[in-house]
Protein backbone atom coordinates (compact mmCIF):
# COMPACT_ATOMS: atom_id res chain seq x y z
CA UNK A 1 54.43 7.08 2.47
CA UNK A 2 52.01 9.87 1.55
CA UNK A 3 52.53 12.62 3.91
CA UNK A 4 53.67 10.36 6.70
CA UNK A 5 55.82 11.80 9.40
CA UNK A 6 59.38 10.68 9.63
CA UNK A 7 58.74 8.20 12.30
CA UNK A 8 55.70 6.72 10.47
CA UNK A 9 57.78 6.53 7.39
CA UNK A 10 60.61 4.83 9.19
CA UNK A 11 58.21 2.26 10.62
CA UNK A 12 56.87 1.57 7.32
CA UNK A 13 60.30 1.19 5.83
CA UNK A 14 61.57 -1.02 8.61
CA UNK A 15 58.47 -3.32 8.13
CA UNK A 16 59.41 -3.55 4.38
CA UNK A 17 63.16 -4.11 5.22
CA UNK A 18 62.17 -7.08 7.40
CA UNK A 19 59.93 -8.46 4.80
CA UNK A 20 62.69 -8.20 2.07
CA UNK A 21 65.60 -9.27 4.07
CA UNK A 22 63.74 -12.11 5.75
CA UNK A 23 63.44 -13.79 2.33
CA UNK A 24 67.21 -13.82 2.13
CA UNK A 25 66.52 -13.13 -1.47
CA UNK A 26 69.12 -10.65 -3.28
CA UNK A 27 66.64 -9.83 -5.98
CA UNK A 28 63.94 -8.72 -3.42
CA UNK A 29 66.52 -6.62 -1.52
CA UNK A 30 67.74 -5.13 -4.94
CA UNK A 31 64.03 -4.25 -5.67
CA UNK A 32 63.63 -2.76 -2.15
CA UNK A 33 66.74 -0.44 -2.83
CA UNK A 34 65.48 0.48 -6.35
CA UNK A 35 62.14 1.40 -4.92
CA UNK A 36 63.71 3.39 -2.07
CA UNK A 37 66.05 5.10 -4.43
CA UNK A 38 63.25 6.05 -6.80
CA UNK A 39 61.05 7.45 -3.88
CA UNK A 40 63.83 9.41 -2.31
CA UNK A 41 65.03 10.80 -5.76
CA UNK A 42 61.36 11.94 -6.75
CA UNK A 43 61.10 13.67 -3.39
CA UNK A 44 64.41 15.30 -3.49
CA UNK A 45 63.81 16.55 -7.11
CA UNK A 46 60.37 17.83 -6.00
CA UNK A 47 61.98 19.77 -3.06
CA UNK A 48 64.32 21.34 -5.57
CA UNK A 49 61.47 22.56 -7.78
CA UNK A 50 60.67 19.43 -9.73
CA UNK A 51 57.35 17.76 -10.52
CA UNK A 52 55.05 16.51 -7.63
CA UNK A 53 55.84 12.87 -6.96
CA UNK A 54 53.17 10.17 -6.84
CA UNK A 55 54.25 9.65 -3.00
CA UNK A 56 55.41 12.66 -0.98
CA UNK A 57 57.39 12.48 2.18
CA UNK A 58 56.49 14.96 4.94
CA UNK A 59 58.45 18.08 5.34
CA UNK A 60 60.26 16.43 8.28
CA UNK A 61 62.52 14.86 5.68
CA UNK A 62 65.16 17.60 4.95
CA UNK A 63 66.70 18.06 1.46
CA UNK A 64 69.96 16.83 2.84
CA UNK A 65 68.43 13.64 4.35
CA UNK A 66 66.63 12.83 1.08
CA UNK A 67 69.82 13.34 -1.01
CA UNK A 68 71.98 11.35 1.48
CA UNK A 69 69.59 8.40 1.73
CA UNK A 70 69.01 8.45 -2.09
CA UNK A 71 72.70 8.10 -2.56
CA UNK A 72 72.81 5.25 -0.08
CA UNK A 73 69.98 3.50 -1.72
CA UNK A 74 71.68 3.83 -5.14
CA UNK A 75 75.03 2.48 -3.84
CA UNK A 76 73.89 -0.33 -1.48
CA UNK A 77 73.12 -2.91 -4.14
CA UNK A 78 76.95 -3.21 -4.67
CA UNK A 79 77.07 -4.84 -1.21
CA UNK A 80 74.39 -7.65 -2.20
CA UNK A 81 77.23 -9.78 -3.80
CA UNK A 82 79.49 -9.38 -0.62
CA UNK A 83 79.71 -11.63 2.44
CA UNK A 84 77.76 -9.03 4.54
CA UNK A 85 74.56 -10.24 5.91
CA UNK A 86 71.63 -9.14 3.70
CA UNK A 87 69.53 -7.94 6.63
CA UNK A 88 72.45 -5.86 7.87
CA UNK A 89 72.66 -4.08 4.63
CA UNK A 90 69.02 -3.17 4.75
CA UNK A 91 68.90 -2.34 8.44
CA UNK A 92 72.11 0.02 7.97
CA UNK A 93 70.37 1.89 5.23
CA UNK A 94 67.42 2.58 7.33
CA UNK A 95 69.51 3.46 10.49
CA UNK A 96 71.62 5.88 8.56
CA UNK A 97 68.30 7.74 7.73
CA UNK A 98 67.43 7.85 11.48
CA UNK A 99 70.72 8.80 12.95
CA UNK A 100 71.83 12.46 12.65
CA UNK A 101 69.50 12.94 9.68
CA UNK A 102 71.85 11.25 7.33
CA UNK A 103 74.29 14.08 7.44
CA UNK A 104 78.05 14.32 7.82
CA UNK A 105 78.86 11.23 5.84
CA UNK A 106 76.92 8.94 8.26
CA UNK A 107 74.78 7.63 5.39
CA UNK A 108 77.53 5.60 3.72
CA UNK A 109 77.80 2.00 2.94
CA UNK A 110 81.41 2.06 4.00
CA UNK A 111 80.29 2.20 7.56
CA UNK A 112 79.46 -1.47 7.42
């Protein structure tokens, strides 16, 4: 994700989501969300004056989007023990990033 545009980053994340959700393995999906949360948090903190992360998102990722998606990634694993389709959980996370920049509460797991 080093300096990737939002579109390139989304394509990368969707490929990763397909890999993880295709396995139907909750542990892999939990790792996906843990990794996403870490990347998003590092980039959000960097934008707020923190240390430069190992992987930086392009400037197309607003602070609001980074924060909203980070919070979703932290909350999403709660759904892994529900009856909701695992692929749907991952795809909803990625779509919340894409739609409306994750603003106005659109990046919430309550929507599924």
